[in-house]
Protein backbone atom coordinates (compact mmCIF):
# COMPACT_ATOMS: atom_id res chain seq x y z
CA MET A 1 0.00 0.00 0.00
CA ASP A 2 1.45 3.37 -1.02
CA ILE A 3 0.88 5.83 1.83
CA GLN A 4 2.86 9.08 1.82
CA VAL A 5 3.32 11.91 4.33
CA GLY A 6 0.51 14.44 3.88
CA ASP A 7 -2.09 11.92 2.66
CA ILE A 8 -5.54 11.90 4.27
CA LEU A 9 -6.69 8.40 5.27
CA LYS A 10 -10.28 7.36 5.86
CA LEU A 11 -10.36 4.49 8.36
CA LYS A 12 -13.05 1.87 9.04
CA LYS A 13 -13.63 2.86 12.66
CA GLN A 14 -14.26 6.42 13.76
CA HIS A 15 -12.37 8.29 16.46
CA PRO A 16 -14.37 9.14 19.62
CA CYS A 17 -14.58 12.76 18.40
CA GLY A 18 -16.64 11.52 15.42
CA SER A 19 -14.06 11.91 12.63
CA LYS A 20 -12.92 8.99 10.44
CA GLU A 21 -10.19 10.97 8.65
CA TRP A 22 -6.53 11.09 9.68
CA GLU A 23 -3.55 12.98 8.24
CA VAL A 24 -0.24 11.12 7.86
CA LEU A 25 2.57 13.00 9.65
CA ARG A 26 5.25 10.27 9.51
CA ALA A 27 5.57 7.14 7.38
CA GLY A 28 7.76 4.05 7.75
CA ALA A 29 7.46 0.85 9.79
CA ASP A 30 5.21 2.89 12.10
CA PHE A 31 2.95 5.77 11.16
CA ARG A 32 2.15 8.94 13.09
CA LEU A 33 -1.40 10.05 12.37
CA LYS A 34 -3.27 13.21 13.35
CA CYS A 35 -7.06 13.21 13.66
CA THR A 36 -8.53 15.87 11.36
CA GLY A 37 -11.43 16.39 13.79
CA CYS A 38 -9.73 17.08 17.13
CA GLY A 39 -5.98 17.07 16.38
CA HIS A 40 -5.16 14.02 18.55
CA GLN A 41 -1.98 12.22 17.41
CA ILE A 42 -1.29 8.48 17.51
CA MET A 43 1.44 6.05 16.46
CA ILE A 44 0.28 2.87 14.71
CA ALA A 45 2.14 -0.08 13.15
CA ARG A 46 2.09 -0.40 9.36
CA ARG A 47 0.37 -3.80 9.42
CA ALA A 48 -2.45 -2.56 11.68
CA LEU A 49 -2.93 0.61 9.62
CA GLU A 50 -3.06 -1.19 6.28
CA LYS A 51 -5.85 -3.45 7.61
CA SER A 52 -7.98 -0.50 8.76
CA VAL A 53 -7.63 1.88 5.77
CA LYS A 54 -10.76 2.31 3.68
CA GLU A 55 -9.66 5.13 1.35
CA ILE A 56 -6.51 7.19 0.63
CA ARG A 57 -6.81 10.79 -0.56
CA GLN A 58 -3.84 12.83 -1.73
CA LYS A 59 -3.53 16.20 -0.05
CA PRO A 60 -3.91 19.00 -2.65
């Protein structure tokens, strides 16, 4: 799966704030994601992220 820094990911499950979209801040073996709704940041393993991605949008 080709995920780059700056991409917006739509995940299967929503964040408690109600948003399903996350911005990629760091890519590699682990990803740092920022919730587009509330700004909360998380680190997630590549394998776990690839299973939960529904859609990838390129940031304009």
